[in-house]
Amino acid sequence: MFWSYEKSSTFLKKLQVTSRTHFYQLSKEEKIPKEIPRNSNVFYKNKGWNGWGEFFGTGIVAPQNRVYLPAIEARIAIKKIAKEVFGGKPFTQRDWIKAH
C-alpha cells in the first residue's frame, strides 16, 4: 500500500530529492521506499498533486503550470520593483539585468 501524498512528500524533502531524474535514480538504487509510487504524478493526481517542484519542495513550477500577469499588471509591478531597487534613480537595461 502506498503512503499518503503528505508522507511521501515529507520523506522526499528530507532526502533532498531535487528532480524527477534524481527521484528515478534513487528509486533504482532502492533508496526510496516501495511505498512511494514511481508514477507519483499519476497516483497523486487527485490527492493534492501540484507538480514535482511542490512534491520535492524545490518550488520549481513547470512551464505549462506557470501563471503570468497580464501585460498591464506586469508593467505596473516592474515599475514598483524598479522604484524599490533603484530608489527612483534612472537606470539602464544592464542595471536592471544585474539587479534581476
Protein backbone atom coordinates (compact mmCIF):
# COMPACT_ATOMS: atom_id res chain seq x y z
CA MET A 1 0.00 0.00 0.00
CA PHE A 2 1.29 3.47 -0.89
CA TRP A 3 1.92 6.30 1.56
CA SER A 4 -0.18 9.44 1.54
CA TYR A 5 0.91 12.38 -0.61
CA GLU A 6 1.97 14.30 2.51
CA LYS A 7 4.04 11.44 3.97
CA SER A 8 5.74 10.72 0.64
CA SER A 9 6.48 14.39 0.02
CA THR A 10 7.90 14.88 3.53
CA PHE A 11 10.17 11.85 3.10
CA LEU A 12 11.48 13.08 -0.27
CA LYS A 13 12.08 16.59 1.07
CA LYS A 14 14.15 15.15 3.95
CA LEU A 15 16.06 13.05 1.42
CA GLN A 16 16.64 16.28 -0.58
CA VAL A 17 15.36 14.92 -3.87
CA THR A 18 15.56 17.77 -6.39
CA SER A 19 14.18 16.45 -9.68
CA ARG A 20 12.37 13.58 -11.36
CA THR A 21 15.71 12.33 -12.71
CA HIS A 22 17.11 12.30 -9.19
CA PHE A 23 13.94 10.61 -7.91
CA TYR A 24 14.14 7.83 -10.52
CA GLN A 25 17.87 7.34 -9.91
CA LEU A 26 17.33 6.96 -6.17
CA SER A 27 14.45 4.58 -6.90
CA LYS A 28 16.77 2.41 -8.99
CA GLU A 29 19.27 2.44 -6.14
CA GLU A 30 16.43 1.35 -3.81
CA LYS A 31 16.90 4.41 -1.58
CA ILE A 32 13.24 5.33 -1.94
CA PRO A 33 10.73 3.08 -0.20
CA LYS A 34 8.39 0.97 -2.31
CA GLU A 35 5.53 2.75 -0.52
CA ILE A 36 6.19 5.85 -2.67
CA PRO A 37 4.79 5.27 -6.16
CA ARG A 38 7.25 5.74 -9.04
CA ASN A 39 4.45 7.35 -11.04
CA SER A 40 3.61 9.75 -8.22
CA ASN A 41 2.31 12.40 -10.63
CA VAL A 42 -0.38 9.96 -11.81
CA PHE A 43 -1.08 8.27 -8.48
CA TYR A 44 -1.49 11.53 -6.52
CA LYS A 45 -3.21 13.45 -9.34
CA ASN A 46 -6.48 13.86 -7.40
CA LYS A 47 -4.86 13.68 -3.96
CA GLY A 48 -3.07 17.02 -3.70
CA TRP A 49 -0.70 16.86 -6.66
CA ASN A 50 0.57 20.27 -7.78
CA GLY A 51 3.71 19.31 -9.64
CA TRP A 52 7.08 17.75 -8.97
CA GLY A 53 8.53 21.01 -7.61
CA GLU A 54 5.97 21.14 -4.83
CA PHE A 55 6.26 17.39 -4.21
CA PHE A 56 10.05 17.70 -3.73
CA GLY A 57 9.85 21.10 -2.03
CA THR A 58 12.06 22.84 -4.62
CA GLY A 59 9.44 25.42 -5.56
CA ILE A 60 10.09 24.87 -9.28
CA VAL A 61 6.92 25.27 -11.34
CA ALA A 62 6.68 23.50 -14.70
CA PRO A 63 6.34 25.94 -17.63
CA GLN A 64 2.86 24.68 -18.51
CA ASN A 65 1.71 25.40 -14.93
CA ARG A 66 3.13 28.92 -14.61
CA VAL A 67 0.72 31.80 -14.24
CA TYR A 68 1.76 35.14 -15.69
CA LEU A 69 0.40 38.60 -15.04
CA PRO A 70 -1.39 40.36 -17.87
CA ALA A 71 0.94 42.84 -19.63
CA ILE A 72 -0.53 45.95 -17.99
CA GLU A 73 -0.27 44.47 -14.48
CA ALA A 74 3.28 43.25 -15.23
CA ARG A 75 4.36 46.77 -16.23
CA ILE A 76 2.94 48.18 -13.00
CA ALA A 77 4.73 45.50 -10.97
CA ILE A 78 8.02 46.13 -12.81
CA LYS A 79 7.80 49.88 -12.14
CA LYS A 80 7.16 49.21 -8.45
CA ILE A 81 10.12 46.82 -8.22
CA ALA A 82 12.39 49.24 -10.11
CA LYS A 83 11.43 52.04 -7.72
CA GLU A 84 12.27 49.84 -4.72
CA VAL A 85 15.57 48.61 -6.20
CA PHE A 86 16.83 51.85 -7.73
CA GLY A 87 15.15 54.35 -5.41
CA GLY A 88 13.64 56.32 -8.29
CA LYS A 89 17.07 56.94 -9.90
CA PRO A 90 17.47 56.43 -13.66
CA PHE A 91 18.76 53.00 -14.64
CA THR A 92 19.87 51.18 -17.76
CA GLN A 93 18.84 47.80 -19.09
CA ARG A 94 22.21 46.46 -17.89
CA ASP A 95 21.42 47.76 -14.36
CA TRP A 96 18.05 46.01 -14.47
CA ILE A 97 19.59 42.71 -15.62
CA LYS A 98 22.23 42.93 -12.90
CA ALA A 99 19.57 43.64 -10.26
CA HIS A 100 17.43 40.75 -11.52
